[in-house]
Amino acid sequence: MQCSWKSMVLLALASIAIQYTAIRTFSTKPLSLLCSVGLAPTGHAVNCSLKDLTRLGQETLQGSDQGCDDVISHTMPSPSLSLPSHDASKRTHILILATTRSGSSFVGQLFNQHPEVFYLFEPLYHVQLALLPRLAQSRNLAERRVMLGAARDLLRSLYHCHLNSLESYIRPRPANHSTDKLFRRGASRSLCSPPLCEAPLGQEGQSLVLADEGECVKRCGPLNVSLAADVCRAKRLVAIKTVRIPQISDLRALIEDPRLNLKVVQLVRDPRGILASRIETFRDTYRLWRLWRATGRRPHNLDLGQINSVCEDFLRSVSTGLARPAWLRGRYMLLRYEDLARFPLQKTRQLYSFLGLVLDHSVESWIINNTRGSSDLSSRQKFTTVRDSAANAENWRVKLSFDMVVYTQTACQPLLELLGYKTVFHPRELRNLSHSLVEDKMFLPFF
């Protein structure tokens, strides 16, 4: 059967509408998104107009002697990979909300090791780098709002597995949806395993993330972002770790979105431990703190805001969570790093129970293997997750001078009291590691 010219144009427009519906996101520029994923005519710019799309539909049918049924069958979109897809509205989405050097990499791996979880390590790094490279250290409210708006939009897209939204922030921008610049790709098992990586992952099925993250990029080659989106849709859960959202209230719009089913795990740590870890890890940024520790004299130009902002954000965020507002019911769990370090299996079971997950054997094995490492190893490899976790939880007590501890606990006193961290009043009390400074305090999920 031959189609009239008008029927063919209508079919073309209907086809475009079907493809648009299939890939639409919450982006504010959906037509640009259509072009960016390859629906624009070859050779055209990334940004295209409705006129361009209409012309594309006309060109698709021009000169064709196919019947209407044939045209429809050829213009219907087809998946790029034959993988099962879970209903996004029924999936559980997890956000690990933390700050730098609070143990978030370790917590992220508790989800990364689960075979049904698609895990992304700090995708908001690219947002920060593209917008304002020094924004992570900024306390300017206007700058933070810029970051937060973009961060929320990207998180919403990523939880729906629209990974192409991330491409706008990666530098250099991926060509043909392929990149080798994704930040810490090697921290994600899903991104370093078939079908995204056909290279063997090591002996006895070990994942590359357990040995060397760099091996993932070397042996797997560039990441196909479109294929990664298919892998994401095939998983039952999506977990994202970030240290670039200051407070739980900044996530309210996402938490209240019924289509996301988002649950937030807020990870906290004794700010004295955070400070000690940052001094060791970010040596240039915290150079004056190291000078204070070495000389016993506090530099007059020391940026005290580096730790003050941590305590302020923690206090506001935790206070909001523990106040149990209705919008957080069933969506929020507070987790102290020190509790996880001392009782890793017990706390992980509680965490999984909150999220409605069954603790997989592979996760248990990973916990056992990665909480009994050498303390010396963790001090030499700043981003490792292999450590003697119990010993590491309070090792800041031998790394900070007493004066630095006194300043920090004075500035952060309300937070310490709220979270159950004890203050010290004498150097001998600080160094007596047989006496824990972590109170036995229970923080139950809000249901």
Protein backbone atom coordinates (compact mmCIF):
# COMPACT_ATOMS: atom_id res chain seq x y z
CA MET A 1 0.00 0.00 0.00
CA GLN A 2 1.36 3.43 -0.95
CA CYS A 3 1.16 6.35 1.46
CA SER A 4 0.13 9.88 0.54
CA TRP A 5 2.66 12.65 1.06
CA LYS A 6 0.74 13.99 4.08
CA SER A 7 0.53 10.53 5.63
CA MET A 8 4.26 10.05 5.23
CA VAL A 9 5.05 13.37 6.95
CA LEU A 10 2.69 12.52 9.78
CA LEU A 11 4.37 9.12 10.16
CA ALA A 12 7.79 10.76 10.24
CA LEU A 13 6.75 13.22 12.92
CA ALA A 14 5.13 10.43 14.92
CA SER A 15 8.36 8.45 14.68
CA ILE A 16 10.37 11.37 16.03
CA ALA A 17 7.89 11.80 18.87
CA ILE A 18 8.20 8.11 19.76
CA GLN A 19 12.01 8.33 19.84
CA TYR A 20 11.86 11.51 21.88
CA THR A 21 9.56 9.91 24.42
CA ALA A 22 11.85 6.90 24.70
CA ILE A 23 14.91 8.91 25.66
CA ARG A 24 13.48 12.03 27.27
CA THR A 25 14.99 13.24 30.51
CA PHE A 26 14.34 16.09 32.87
CA SER A 27 16.72 18.21 30.87
CA THR A 28 15.61 21.76 30.23
CA LYS A 29 16.67 21.36 26.58
CA PRO A 30 15.10 18.14 25.33
CA LEU A 31 15.54 19.01 21.65
CA SER A 32 19.25 19.47 22.20
CA LEU A 33 19.29 16.06 23.85
CA LEU A 34 17.64 14.49 20.80
CA CYS A 35 20.41 15.86 18.62
CA SER A 36 23.16 14.88 21.04
CA VAL A 37 22.19 11.22 20.96
CA GLY A 38 22.39 10.99 17.22
CA LEU A 39 18.91 11.85 15.92
CA ALA A 40 20.14 14.96 14.17
CA PRO A 41 21.21 14.75 10.50
CA THR A 42 24.85 13.76 10.07
CA GLY A 43 27.21 16.70 10.09
CA HIS A 44 24.81 19.08 11.83
CA ALA A 45 25.67 20.91 15.04
CA VAL A 46 24.73 19.40 18.35
CA ASN A 47 22.01 21.97 18.96
CA CYS A 48 19.19 21.63 16.49
CA SER A 49 15.69 22.97 16.11
CA LEU A 50 12.26 21.48 15.56
CA LYS A 51 12.64 22.50 11.92
CA ASP A 52 15.79 20.35 11.68
CA LEU A 53 13.97 17.38 13.18
CA THR A 54 11.01 17.83 10.81
CA ARG A 55 13.39 17.94 7.85
CA LEU A 56 15.07 14.79 9.14
CA GLY A 57 11.72 13.03 9.10
CA GLN A 58 11.02 14.18 5.57
CA GLU A 59 14.46 13.02 4.41
CA THR A 60 13.87 9.63 5.99
CA LEU A 61 10.81 9.08 3.79
CA GLN A 62 11.82 11.02 0.69
CA GLY A 63 12.08 8.85 -2.35
CA SER A 64 10.86 5.82 -0.48
CA ASP A 65 8.47 3.44 -2.16
CA GLN A 66 7.83 1.52 1.04
CA GLY A 67 4.36 1.04 2.38
CA CYS A 68 3.13 2.62 5.60
CA ASP A 69 3.64 -0.58 7.60
CA ASP A 70 7.22 -0.86 6.37
CA VAL A 71 7.96 2.75 7.23
CA ILE A 72 6.65 2.32 10.76
CA SER A 73 8.68 -0.82 11.35
CA HIS A 74 11.89 0.84 10.20
CA THR A 75 11.43 4.04 12.19
CA MET A 76 10.60 2.45 15.52
CA PRO A 77 13.58 2.78 17.92
CA SER A 78 15.45 -0.37 18.88
CA PRO A 79 17.63 -0.92 21.94
CA SER A 80 21.39 -0.82 21.44
CA LEU A 81 21.91 -3.76 23.76
CA SER A 82 19.70 -6.70 24.57
CA LEU A 83 19.64 -6.47 28.36
CA PRO A 84 16.71 -6.80 30.74
CA SER A 85 15.41 -3.43 31.89
CA HIS A 86 13.97 -2.74 35.33
CA ASP A 87 11.06 -0.34 35.75
CA ALA A 88 12.69 2.91 36.93
CA SER A 89 9.71 3.71 39.16
CA LYS A 90 10.21 0.44 41.07
CA ARG A 91 13.99 0.64 41.45
CA THR A 92 15.63 1.80 44.67
CA HIS A 93 17.97 4.74 44.26
CA ILE A 94 20.66 5.32 46.86
CA LEU A 95 22.68 8.44 47.61
CA ILE A 96 25.65 8.34 49.98
CA LEU A 97 25.86 11.88 51.36
CA ALA A 98 29.25 12.61 52.91
CA THR A 99 32.19 14.97 53.08
CA THR A 100 35.77 14.47 51.96
CA ARG A 101 37.82 12.00 54.05
CA SER A 102 34.87 10.69 56.04
CA GLY A 103 35.04 7.07 54.82
CA SER A 104 32.65 7.49 51.89
CA SER A 105 34.77 5.47 49.46
CA PHE A 106 34.54 2.51 51.84
CA VAL A 107 30.76 2.87 52.21
CA GLY A 108 30.38 3.17 48.45
CA GLN A 109 32.09 -0.17 48.00
CA LEU A 110 29.48 -1.83 50.24
CA PHE A 111 27.05 -1.20 47.39
CA ASN A 112 29.53 -1.54 44.54
CA GLN A 113 30.21 -5.16 45.50
CA HIS A 114 26.52 -6.11 45.20
CA PRO A 115 25.78 -7.73 41.81
CA GLU A 116 22.41 -5.95 41.43
CA VAL A 117 23.77 -2.44 42.02
CA PHE A 118 24.96 0.04 39.40
CA TYR A 119 27.43 2.27 41.25
CA LEU A 120 28.83 5.67 40.28
CA PHE A 121 31.73 7.23 42.17
CA GLU A 122 31.50 11.02 42.45
CA PRO A 123 29.89 11.91 39.10
CA LEU A 124 29.35 15.45 40.45
CA TYR A 125 33.12 15.92 40.24
CA HIS A 126 32.62 16.74 36.58
CA VAL A 127 29.94 19.33 37.38
CA GLN A 128 32.25 21.07 39.81
CA LEU A 129 35.18 20.98 37.40
CA ALA A 130 33.13 22.35 34.49
CA LEU A 131 31.39 25.16 36.38
CA LEU A 132 33.77 26.44 39.01
CA PRO A 133 36.90 24.35 39.62
CA ARG A 134 37.44 25.74 43.12
CA LEU A 135 33.80 25.54 44.14
CA ALA A 136 34.35 22.63 46.51
CA GLN A 137 36.22 24.99 48.84
CA SER A 138 33.82 27.90 48.35
CA ARG A 139 31.55 29.13 51.10
CA ASN A 140 29.92 31.72 48.85
CA LEU A 141 26.17 31.06 48.89
CA ALA A 142 25.64 32.20 45.30
CA GLU A 143 28.35 29.88 44.01
CA ARG A 144 26.98 26.98 46.02
CA ARG A 145 23.52 27.53 44.55
CA VAL A 146 24.94 27.36 41.04
CA MET A 147 26.58 24.05 41.82
CA LEU A 148 23.54 22.62 43.60
CA GLY A 149 21.12 23.40 40.78
CA ALA A 150 23.26 21.62 38.21
CA ALA A 151 24.03 18.79 40.63
CA ARG A 152 20.38 18.05 41.34
CA ASP A 153 19.50 18.02 37.64
CA LEU A 154 22.33 15.65 36.85
CA LEU A 155 21.53 13.31 39.75
CA ARG A 156 17.92 13.05 38.60
CA SER A 157 19.06 12.13 35.10
CA LEU A 158 21.63 9.61 36.32
CA TYR A 159 19.11 7.82 38.52
CA HIS A 160 16.98 7.38 35.40
CA CYS A 161 20.11 5.99 33.66
CA HIS A 162 20.32 8.92 31.25
CA LEU A 163 24.10 8.85 31.43
CA ASN A 164 24.44 10.98 28.31
CA SER A 165 23.56 13.96 30.54
CA LEU A 166 26.98 13.56 32.12
CA GLU A 167 28.71 14.09 28.77
CA SER A 168 28.03 17.85 28.86
CA TYR A 169 30.35 18.18 31.86
CA ILE A 170 33.20 15.86 30.86
CA ARG A 171 36.26 17.62 29.43
CA PRO A 172 37.12 17.01 26.66
CA ARG A 173 33.53 16.28 25.66
CA PRO A 174 33.09 12.62 24.60
CA ALA A 175 33.13 11.95 20.86
CA ASN A 176 30.53 9.44 19.65
CA HIS A 177 29.54 8.85 23.30
CA SER A 178 32.96 7.40 24.11
CA THR A 179 35.36 8.71 26.76
CA ASP A 180 38.38 7.73 28.81
CA LYS A 181 38.00 10.74 31.13
CA LEU A 182 35.26 9.56 33.49
CA PHE A 183 36.45 10.36 37.01
CA ARG A 184 37.48 7.24 38.96
CA ARG A 185 35.78 4.83 36.54
CA GLY A 186 37.81 2.04 38.09
CA ALA A 187 35.91 2.40 41.37
CA SER A 188 32.80 0.93 39.72
CA ARG A 189 32.56 -2.80 39.05
CA SER A 190 29.75 -2.28 36.56
CA LEU A 191 31.88 0.05 34.44
CA CYS A 192 34.83 -2.36 34.45
CA SER A 193 32.97 -5.58 33.68
CA PRO A 194 31.37 -7.11 30.58
CA PRO A 195 29.78 -5.89 28.37
CA LEU A 196 31.57 -2.59 29.05
CA CYS A 197 34.93 -4.31 29.37
CA GLU A 198 35.78 -7.55 27.65
CA ALA A 199 39.28 -7.75 29.12
CA PRO A 200 39.79 -10.43 31.79
CA LEU A 201 39.39 -8.88 35.21
CA GLY A 202 42.01 -10.85 37.05
CA GLN A 203 42.51 -14.19 38.68
CA GLU A 204 39.55 -16.11 40.09
CA GLY A 205 37.09 -13.49 38.84
CA GLN A 206 38.48 -10.69 41.00
CA SER A 207 37.38 -7.24 39.95
CA LEU A 208 39.94 -4.67 38.95
CA VAL A 209 38.63 -2.27 41.59
CA LEU A 210 40.12 -4.49 44.29
CA ALA A 211 43.62 -4.17 42.92
CA ASP A 212 44.25 -1.01 40.91
CA GLU A 213 41.61 1.34 39.55
CA GLY A 214 43.95 2.46 36.79
CA GLU A 215 43.96 -1.02 35.30
CA CYS A 216 40.31 -0.59 34.34
CA VAL A 217 41.02 2.23 31.88
CA LYS A 218 44.21 0.60 30.61
CA ARG A 219 42.67 -2.78 29.92
CA CYS A 220 39.09 -1.86 29.12
CA GLY A 221 39.66 1.11 26.84
CA PRO A 222 37.31 4.10 26.49
CA LEU A 223 33.89 3.88 28.11
CA ASN A 224 30.88 3.64 25.81
CA VAL A 225 28.42 5.90 27.61
CA SER A 226 25.39 4.66 25.65
CA LEU A 227 26.23 1.05 26.46
CA ALA A 228 26.79 2.00 30.11
CA ALA A 229 23.25 3.40 30.18
CA ASP A 230 21.92 0.02 29.03
CA VAL A 231 23.88 -1.70 31.79
CA CYS A 232 22.47 0.79 34.30
CA ARG A 233 18.89 0.03 33.23
CA ALA A 234 19.52 -3.68 33.65
CA LYS A 235 20.39 -3.27 37.36
CA ARG A 236 17.82 -3.24 40.16
CA LEU A 237 19.50 -0.46 42.15
CA VAL A 238 21.49 2.66 41.34
CA ALA A 239 23.88 3.97 44.02
CA ILE A 240 25.81 7.24 43.83
CA LYS A 241 28.40 8.61 46.25
CA THR A 242 29.01 12.33 46.56
CA VAL A 243 30.90 14.74 48.81
CA ARG A 244 29.64 17.75 46.82
CA ILE A 245 26.20 18.24 48.38
CA PRO A 246 26.54 20.17 51.67
CA GLN A 247 23.26 19.31 53.43
CA ILE A 248 20.32 16.91 53.29
CA SER A 249 17.92 19.82 52.76
CA ASP A 250 19.63 20.50 49.43
CA LEU A 251 18.20 17.18 48.23
CA ARG A 252 14.59 17.71 49.27
CA ALA A 253 13.29 18.15 45.71
CA LEU A 254 14.79 14.79 44.71
CA ILE A 255 13.68 13.00 47.87
CA GLU A 256 10.10 14.14 47.40
CA ASP A 257 10.05 13.08 43.73
CA PRO A 258 7.88 9.90 43.76
CA ARG A 259 9.47 8.69 40.52
CA LEU A 260 12.91 8.38 42.09
CA ASN A 261 12.30 6.34 45.25
CA LEU A 262 15.47 7.93 46.62
CA LYS A 263 16.97 6.93 49.97
CA VAL A 264 19.83 8.87 51.53
CA VAL A 265 22.55 7.45 53.75
CA GLN A 266 24.27 10.35 55.50
CA LEU A 267 27.75 9.33 56.54
CA VAL A 268 29.35 11.32 59.36
CA ARG A 269 32.73 11.14 61.07
CA ASP A 270 34.38 12.83 64.03
CA PRO A 271 35.58 16.18 62.56
CA ARG A 272 38.89 15.72 64.34
CA GLY A 273 39.38 12.54 62.33
CA ILE A 274 38.36 14.30 59.11
CA LEU A 275 40.89 17.06 59.76
CA ALA A 276 43.73 14.62 60.46
CA SER A 277 42.98 12.68 57.28
CA ARG A 278 42.79 15.80 55.12
CA ILE A 279 46.12 17.07 56.48
CA GLU A 280 47.76 13.82 55.39
CA THR A 281 45.96 13.58 52.04
CA PHE A 282 45.76 17.15 50.73
CA ARG A 283 49.21 18.31 51.70
CA ASP A 284 49.24 21.54 49.68
CA THR A 285 45.78 22.72 50.70
CA TYR A 286 46.44 21.95 54.37
CA ARG A 287 50.10 23.04 54.41
CA LEU A 288 49.57 25.59 57.19
CA TRP A 289 47.86 23.01 59.37
CA ARG A 290 50.94 20.78 59.01
CA LEU A 291 53.10 23.76 59.93
CA TRP A 292 51.01 24.28 63.08
CA ARG A 293 51.42 20.62 63.98
CA ALA A 294 55.18 20.70 63.41
CA THR A 295 55.95 23.96 65.23
CA GLY A 296 53.22 24.09 67.85
CA ARG A 297 52.34 27.64 66.75
CA ARG A 298 49.19 28.42 64.81
CA PRO A 299 49.94 30.48 61.65
CA HIS A 300 48.12 33.83 61.72
CA ASN A 301 46.83 33.30 58.16
CA LEU A 302 45.51 29.78 58.73
CA ASP A 303 42.12 29.21 57.05
CA LEU A 304 40.09 27.97 60.00
CA GLY A 305 37.04 27.85 57.76
CA GLN A 306 38.35 24.60 56.27
CA ILE A 307 37.11 22.71 59.31
CA ASN A 308 34.46 25.17 60.50
CA SER A 309 32.40 24.71 57.33
CA VAL A 310 32.49 20.93 57.78
CA CYS A 311 31.00 21.21 61.25
CA GLU A 312 28.42 23.81 60.22
CA ASP A 313 27.16 21.73 57.29
CA PHE A 314 27.14 18.54 59.35
CA LEU A 315 25.28 20.20 62.21
CA ARG A 316 22.55 21.66 59.99
CA SER A 317 22.16 18.49 57.97
CA VAL A 318 22.16 16.05 60.89
CA SER A 319 19.83 18.29 62.90
CA THR A 320 17.39 18.23 59.99
CA GLY A 321 17.59 14.45 59.69
CA LEU A 322 17.22 13.75 63.39
CA ALA A 323 14.24 16.14 63.60
CA ARG A 324 12.44 13.59 61.41
CA PRO A 325 10.48 15.83 59.07
CA ALA A 326 7.69 14.11 57.13
CA TRP A 327 9.53 14.42 53.80
CA LEU A 328 12.36 12.21 55.15
CA ARG A 329 10.16 9.38 56.45
CA GLY A 330 11.59 6.10 55.20
CA ARG A 331 14.22 8.03 53.22
CA TYR A 332 17.02 8.83 55.68
CA MET A 333 19.59 6.95 57.69
CA LEU A 334 22.46 8.42 59.70
CA LEU A 335 25.62 6.32 59.79
CA ARG A 336 28.70 7.06 61.88
CA TYR A 337 31.94 5.98 60.23
CA GLU A 338 33.33 4.87 63.59
CA ASP A 339 30.43 2.44 64.13
CA LEU A 340 30.95 0.94 60.69
CA ALA A 341 34.69 0.63 61.32
CA ARG A 342 34.22 -1.16 64.63
CA PHE A 343 31.27 -3.38 63.63
CA PRO A 344 31.39 -3.59 59.83
CA LEU A 345 29.17 -6.63 59.28
CA GLN A 346 26.58 -5.62 61.87
CA LYS A 347 26.26 -2.06 60.58
CA THR A 348 26.18 -3.21 56.96
CA ARG A 349 23.29 -5.54 57.75
CA GLN A 350 21.42 -2.62 59.33
CA LEU A 351 22.18 -0.50 56.30
CA TYR A 352 20.95 -3.15 53.88
CA SER A 353 17.83 -3.71 55.96
CA PHE A 354 16.98 -0.01 55.73
CA LEU A 355 17.31 -0.19 51.96
CA GLY A 356 15.34 -3.43 51.64
CA LEU A 357 18.35 -5.39 50.38
CA VAL A 358 19.61 -8.88 51.10
CA LEU A 359 23.26 -8.92 52.12
CA ASP A 360 24.95 -10.75 49.27
CA HIS A 361 27.74 -13.24 50.03
CA SER A 362 30.12 -11.28 47.80
CA VAL A 363 29.57 -8.19 49.98
CA GLU A 364 30.27 -10.14 53.18
CA SER A 365 33.48 -11.54 51.70
CA TRP A 366 34.59 -8.07 50.61
CA ILE A 367 33.99 -6.67 54.10
CA ILE A 368 36.01 -9.42 55.74
CA ASN A 369 38.87 -9.01 53.28
CA ASN A 370 38.93 -5.22 53.48
CA THR A 371 38.59 -4.52 57.19
CA ARG A 372 41.53 -6.61 58.34
CA GLY A 373 44.28 -4.96 56.38
CA SER A 374 47.40 -3.27 57.63
CA SER A 375 47.17 0.20 59.15
CA ASP A 376 50.49 0.91 57.47
CA LEU A 377 48.92 0.14 54.06
CA SER A 378 46.09 2.63 54.59
CA SER A 379 48.55 5.36 55.57
CA ARG A 380 50.62 4.83 52.41
CA GLN A 381 47.71 4.57 49.96
CA LYS A 382 45.40 7.50 50.64
CA PHE A 383 42.42 6.27 48.60
CA THR A 384 42.58 2.58 49.48
CA THR A 385 39.61 0.81 51.04
CA VAL A 386 41.82 -1.97 52.45
CA ARG A 387 42.59 -1.17 56.08
CA ASP A 388 42.46 -2.24 59.70
CA SER A 389 39.17 -0.40 60.07
CA ALA A 390 38.87 -0.56 63.86
CA ALA A 391 42.38 0.82 64.39
CA ASN A 392 41.90 3.43 61.68
CA ALA A 393 38.74 4.90 63.24
CA GLU A 394 40.54 6.80 65.99
CA ASN A 395 44.12 6.98 64.74
CA TRP A 396 43.73 10.76 64.42
CA ARG A 397 44.50 10.88 68.13
CA VAL A 398 48.18 10.28 67.47
CA LYS A 399 48.33 12.51 64.37
CA LEU A 400 46.98 15.83 65.68
CA SER A 401 48.64 18.01 68.30
CA PHE A 402 46.67 18.64 71.47
CA ASP A 403 46.22 22.33 70.58
CA MET A 404 44.73 21.42 67.19
CA VAL A 405 42.33 19.01 68.87
CA VAL A 406 41.28 21.64 71.42
CA TYR A 407 40.55 24.19 68.69
CA THR A 408 38.59 21.72 66.57
CA GLN A 409 36.45 20.36 69.37
CA THR A 410 35.73 23.89 70.62
CA ALA A 411 34.61 25.05 67.17
CA CYS A 412 32.57 21.89 66.63
CA GLN A 413 31.26 21.31 70.16
CA PRO A 414 27.52 21.26 69.29
CA LEU A 415 28.15 18.69 66.58
CA LEU A 416 30.31 16.49 68.82
CA GLU A 417 27.59 16.41 71.45
CA LEU A 418 24.86 15.65 68.91
CA LEU A 419 26.78 12.76 67.34
CA GLY A 420 28.22 11.31 70.55
CA TYR A 421 31.92 12.18 70.22
CA LYS A 422 33.69 12.84 73.52
CA THR A 423 35.95 15.83 74.13
CA VAL A 424 39.39 15.57 75.72
CA PHE A 425 40.91 17.93 78.27
CA HIS A 426 44.48 16.69 78.63
CA PRO A 427 47.19 15.36 76.26
CA ARG A 428 47.37 12.08 78.20
CA GLU A 429 43.64 11.58 77.70
CA LEU A 430 44.07 12.21 73.97
CA ARG A 431 46.82 9.60 73.57
CA ASN A 432 45.20 6.91 75.72
CA LEU A 433 43.82 4.79 72.87
CA SER A 434 42.49 2.16 75.26
CA HIS A 435 39.70 4.62 76.09
CA SER A 436 37.41 5.29 73.11
CA LEU A 437 36.15 8.78 72.39
CA VAL A 438 33.06 7.41 70.62
CA GLU A 439 29.97 7.01 72.78
CA ASP A 440 27.75 3.97 72.35
CA LYS A 441 24.91 5.79 70.70
CA MET A 442 22.21 4.31 68.47
CA PHE A 443 20.95 6.13 65.39
CA LEU A 444 17.99 4.27 63.96
CA PRO A 445 16.60 4.84 60.46
CA PHE A 446 13.49 7.02 60.26
CA PHE A 447 10.45 4.96 59.19
